[in-house]
C-alpha atoms as a PDB file:
ATOM      1  CA  GLN A   1       0.000   0.000   0.000  1.00  0.00           C
ATOM      2  CA  VAL A   2       1.208   3.481  -0.877  1.00  0.00           C
ATOM      3  CA  GLN A   3       0.242   6.643   0.926  1.00  0.00           C
ATOM      4  CA  LEU A   4       0.751  10.062  -0.639  1.00  0.00           C
ATOM      5  CA  MET A   5       1.001  13.348   1.184  1.00  0.00           C
ATOM      6  CA  GLU A   6       1.054  16.730  -0.535  1.00  0.00           C
ATOM      7  CA  SER A   7       2.420  19.942   0.891  1.00  0.00           C
ATOM      8  CA  GLY A   8       3.335  23.413  -0.293  1.00  0.00           C
ATOM      9  CA  GLY A   9      -0.069  24.802  -1.159  1.00  0.00           C
ATOM     10  CA  GLY A  10      -1.239  28.207  -0.021  1.00  0.00           C
ATOM     11  CA  SER A  11      -2.220  31.658  -1.176  1.00  0.00           C
ATOM     12  CA  VAL A  12      -0.177  33.639  -3.662  1.00  0.00           C
ATOM     13  CA  GLN A  13      -0.651  36.729  -5.739  1.00  0.00           C
ATOM     14  CA  ALA A  14      -0.975  36.542  -9.485  1.00  0.00           C
ATOM     15  CA  GLY A  15       2.413  36.285 -11.098  1.00  0.00           C
ATOM     16  CA  GLY A  16       3.879  34.466  -8.118  1.00  0.00           C
ATOM     17  CA  SER A  17       5.257  30.956  -7.753  1.00  0.00           C
ATOM     18  CA  LEU A  18       4.676  27.914  -5.593  1.00  0.00           C
ATOM     19  CA  LYS A  19       6.324  24.520  -5.354  1.00  0.00           C
ATOM     20  CA  LEU A  20       4.218  21.566  -4.311  1.00  0.00           C
ATOM     21  CA  SER A  21       5.718  18.400  -2.882  1.00  0.00           C
ATOM     22  CA  CYS A  22       4.303  14.909  -2.698  1.00  0.00           C
ATOM     23  CA  VAL A  23       5.950  12.367  -0.425  1.00  0.00           C
ATOM     24  CA  ALA A  24       5.184   8.684  -0.833  1.00  0.00           C
ATOM     25  CA  SER A  25       5.294   6.231   2.022  1.00  0.00           C
ATOM     26  CA  GLY A  26       5.338   2.501   1.569  1.00  0.00           C
ATOM     27  CA  SER A  27       6.938   0.609  -1.261  1.00  0.00           C
ATOM     28  CA  ILE A  28       6.942   2.333  -4.640  1.00  0.00           C
ATOM     29  CA  VAL A  29       8.758  -0.469  -6.438  1.00  0.00           C
ATOM     30  CA  ASN A  30       5.657  -1.268  -8.462  1.00  0.00           C
ATOM     31  CA  ILE A  31       4.735   2.334  -9.203  1.00  0.00           C
ATOM     32  CA  CYS A  32       5.104   3.217 -12.872  1.00  0.00           C
ATOM     33  CA  GLU A  33       3.620   6.696 -12.955  1.00  0.00           C
ATOM     34  CA  LEU A  34       3.464   9.690 -10.667  1.00  0.00           C
ATOM     35  CA  ALA A  35       1.200  12.570 -11.499  1.00  0.00           C
ATOM     36  CA  TRP A  36      -0.358  15.835 -10.423  1.00  0.00           C
ATOM     37  CA  TYR A  37      -4.021  16.620 -10.967  1.00  0.00           C
ATOM     38  CA  ARG A  38      -6.047  19.632 -10.010  1.00  0.00           C
ATOM     39  CA  GLN A  39      -9.701  20.443  -9.488  1.00  0.00           C
ATOM     40  CA  PRO A  40     -10.708  24.094  -9.883  1.00  0.00           C
ATOM     41  CA  PRO A  41     -13.846  25.272  -8.070  1.00  0.00           C
ATOM     42  CA  GLY A  42     -16.960  23.955  -9.768  1.00  0.00           C
ATOM     43  CA  LYS A  43     -14.995  22.029 -12.371  1.00  0.00           C
ATOM     44  CA  GLU A  44     -13.861  18.484 -12.928  1.00  0.00           C
ATOM     45  CA  ARG A  45     -10.453  17.214 -11.971  1.00  0.00           C
ATOM     46  CA  GLU A  46      -7.852  17.542 -14.721  1.00  0.00           C
ATOM     47  CA  LEU A  47      -4.394  16.176 -15.354  1.00  0.00           C
ATOM     48  CA  VAL A  48      -1.598  18.672 -14.793  1.00  0.00           C
ATOM     49  CA  SER A  49       1.614  16.707 -15.234  1.00  0.00           C
ATOM     50  CA  GLN A  50       3.110  13.241 -15.017  1.00  0.00           C
ATOM     51  CA  ILE A  51       6.336  11.306 -14.708  1.00  0.00           C
ATOM     52  CA  ILE A  52       6.575   7.864 -16.241  1.00  0.00           C
ATOM     53  CA  ARG A  53       9.066   5.311 -14.915  1.00  0.00           C
ATOM     54  CA  GLY A  54      12.289   5.891 -16.796  1.00  0.00           C
ATOM     55  CA  GLY A  55      12.061   9.629 -16.433  1.00  0.00           C
ATOM     56  CA  LYS A  56       9.749  10.705 -19.243  1.00  0.00           C
ATOM     57  CA  THR A  57       7.729  13.708 -18.157  1.00  0.00           C
ATOM     58  CA  GLY A  58       4.694  15.456 -19.506  1.00  0.00           C
ATOM     59  CA  VAL A  59       2.830  18.659 -18.742  1.00  0.00           C
ATOM     60  CA  ALA A  60      -0.635  19.625 -19.920  1.00  0.00           C
ATOM     61  CA  GLU A  61      -0.309  21.690 -23.079  1.00  0.00           C
ATOM     62  CA  PHE A  62      -2.090  24.675 -21.584  1.00  0.00           C
ATOM     63  CA  LEU A  63       0.407  24.747 -18.683  1.00  0.00           C
ATOM     64  CA  LYS A  64       3.652  24.281 -20.554  1.00  0.00           C
ATOM     65  CA  GLY A  65       6.201  26.939 -19.867  1.00  0.00           C
ATOM     66  CA  ARG A  66       4.792  27.650 -16.412  1.00  0.00           C
ATOM     67  CA  PHE A  67       4.602  24.273 -14.656  1.00  0.00           C
ATOM     68  CA  THR A  68       7.378  21.721 -14.249  1.00  0.00           C
ATOM     69  CA  ILE A  69       7.296  18.258 -12.675  1.00  0.00           C
ATOM     70  CA  SER A  70      10.348  16.613 -11.150  1.00  0.00           C
ATOM     71  CA  GLU A  71      11.212  13.881  -8.693  1.00  0.00           C
ATOM     72  CA  ASP A  72      13.763  12.943  -6.079  1.00  0.00           C
ATOM     73  CA  ILE A  73      13.752   9.169  -6.125  1.00  0.00           C
ATOM     74  CA  PRO A  74      15.762   8.533  -2.923  1.00  0.00           C
ATOM     75  CA  LYS A  75      13.339  10.784  -1.059  1.00  0.00           C
ATOM     76  CA  LYS A  76      10.310   9.202  -2.757  1.00  0.00           C
ATOM     77  CA  THR A  77       9.143  12.692  -3.461  1.00  0.00           C
ATOM     78  CA  HIS A  78       7.916  14.395  -6.578  1.00  0.00           C
ATOM     79  CA  TYR A  79       7.400  18.066  -7.086  1.00  0.00           C
ATOM     80  CA  LEU A  80       5.319  20.490  -9.073  1.00  0.00           C
ATOM     81  CA  GLN A  81       6.985  23.835  -9.653  1.00  0.00           C
ATOM     82  CA  MET A  82       4.418  26.443 -10.652  1.00  0.00           C
ATOM     83  CA  SER A  83       5.346  29.899 -11.860  1.00  0.00           C
ATOM     84  CA  ASN A  84       3.577  32.970 -13.222  1.00  0.00           C
ATOM     85  CA  LEU A  85       0.402  31.812 -11.508  1.00  0.00           C
ATOM     86  CA  ASN A  86      -2.946  33.299 -12.427  1.00  0.00           C
ATOM     87  CA  ARG A  87      -6.456  33.104 -11.006  1.00  0.00           C
ATOM     88  CA  GLU A  88      -7.340  30.183 -13.273  1.00  0.00           C
ATOM     89  CA  ASP A  89      -4.727  28.122 -11.435  1.00  0.00           C
ATOM     90  CA  THR A  90      -6.774  28.295  -8.238  1.00  0.00           C
ATOM     91  CA  ALA A  91      -7.654  24.701  -7.420  1.00  0.00           C
ATOM     92  CA  VAL A  92      -7.121  21.796  -5.102  1.00  0.00           C
ATOM     93  CA  TYR A  93      -4.006  19.999  -6.306  1.00  0.00           C
ATOM     94  CA  TYR A  94      -3.692  16.249  -5.881  1.00  0.00           C
ATOM     95  CA  CYS A  95      -0.762  13.959  -6.352  1.00  0.00           C
ATOM     96  CA  ALA A  96      -1.435  10.463  -7.592  1.00  0.00           C
ATOM     97  CA  ALA A  97       0.364   7.230  -8.391  1.00  0.00           C
ATOM     98  CA  ARG A  98      -0.375   4.344 -10.711  1.00  0.00           C
ATOM     99  CA  ARG A  99       0.789   0.761 -10.282  1.00  0.00           C
ATOM    100  CA  CYS A 100       2.505  -0.884 -13.195  1.00  0.00           C
ATOM    101  CA  GLY A 101      -0.123  -2.547 -15.367  1.00  0.00           C
ATOM    102  CA  ALA A 102      -2.988  -0.479 -14.008  1.00  0.00           C
ATOM    103  CA  VAL A 103      -5.039   1.671 -16.375  1.00  0.00           C
ATOM    104  CA  SER A 104      -5.791   4.429 -13.926  1.00  0.00           C
ATOM    105  CA  MET A 105      -4.361   5.994 -10.796  1.00  0.00           C
ATOM    106  CA  ASN A 106      -4.443   3.713  -7.787  1.00  0.00           C
ATOM    107  CA  TYR A 107      -3.362   6.078  -5.042  1.00  0.00           C
ATOM    108  CA  TRP A 108      -4.275   9.669  -4.247  1.00  0.00           C
ATOM    109  CA  GLY A 109      -3.175  12.258  -1.775  1.00  0.00           C
ATOM    110  CA  GLN A 110      -5.663  14.273   0.230  1.00  0.00           C
ATOM    111  CA  GLY A 111      -5.097  17.396  -1.838  1.00  0.00           C
ATOM    112  CA  THR A 112      -3.611  20.799  -1.135  1.00  0.00           C
ATOM    113  CA  GLN A 113      -5.334  24.098  -1.847  1.00  0.00           C
ATOM    114  CA  VAL A 114      -3.710  26.675  -4.098  1.00  0.00           C
ATOM    115  CA  THR A 115      -5.383  30.060  -4.219  1.00  0.00           C
ATOM    116  CA  VAL A 116      -4.197  32.794  -6.561  1.00  0.00           C
ATOM    117  CA  SER A 117      -5.407  36.301  -5.863  1.00  0.00           C
ATOM    118  CA  PRO A 118      -5.378  39.178  -8.364  1.00  0.00           C
END
């Protein structure tokens, strides 16, 4: 079993930056994908970024240039660096993990709120 814990959320003014962290506990040997999702107020959850085992990363097209995903394997931690934030980035941000062979995310963090003010 894998538990995920996000941190780093908070309030920031438009144009500012935040770095979210997600620490995994338990064995991640069979984890093949780590990801960040977000759910803006009144909207559905959407994929923000992902890391596939082997190091391949991806960021949602509409966030490229502002958001970056990275990981520190020994620390079992992955990060979401967010810059030039705007009000549309206000959301609850979730980290997630997928077991190898699974078709969807198996594990989710509790979420961390990011609020961008004008």
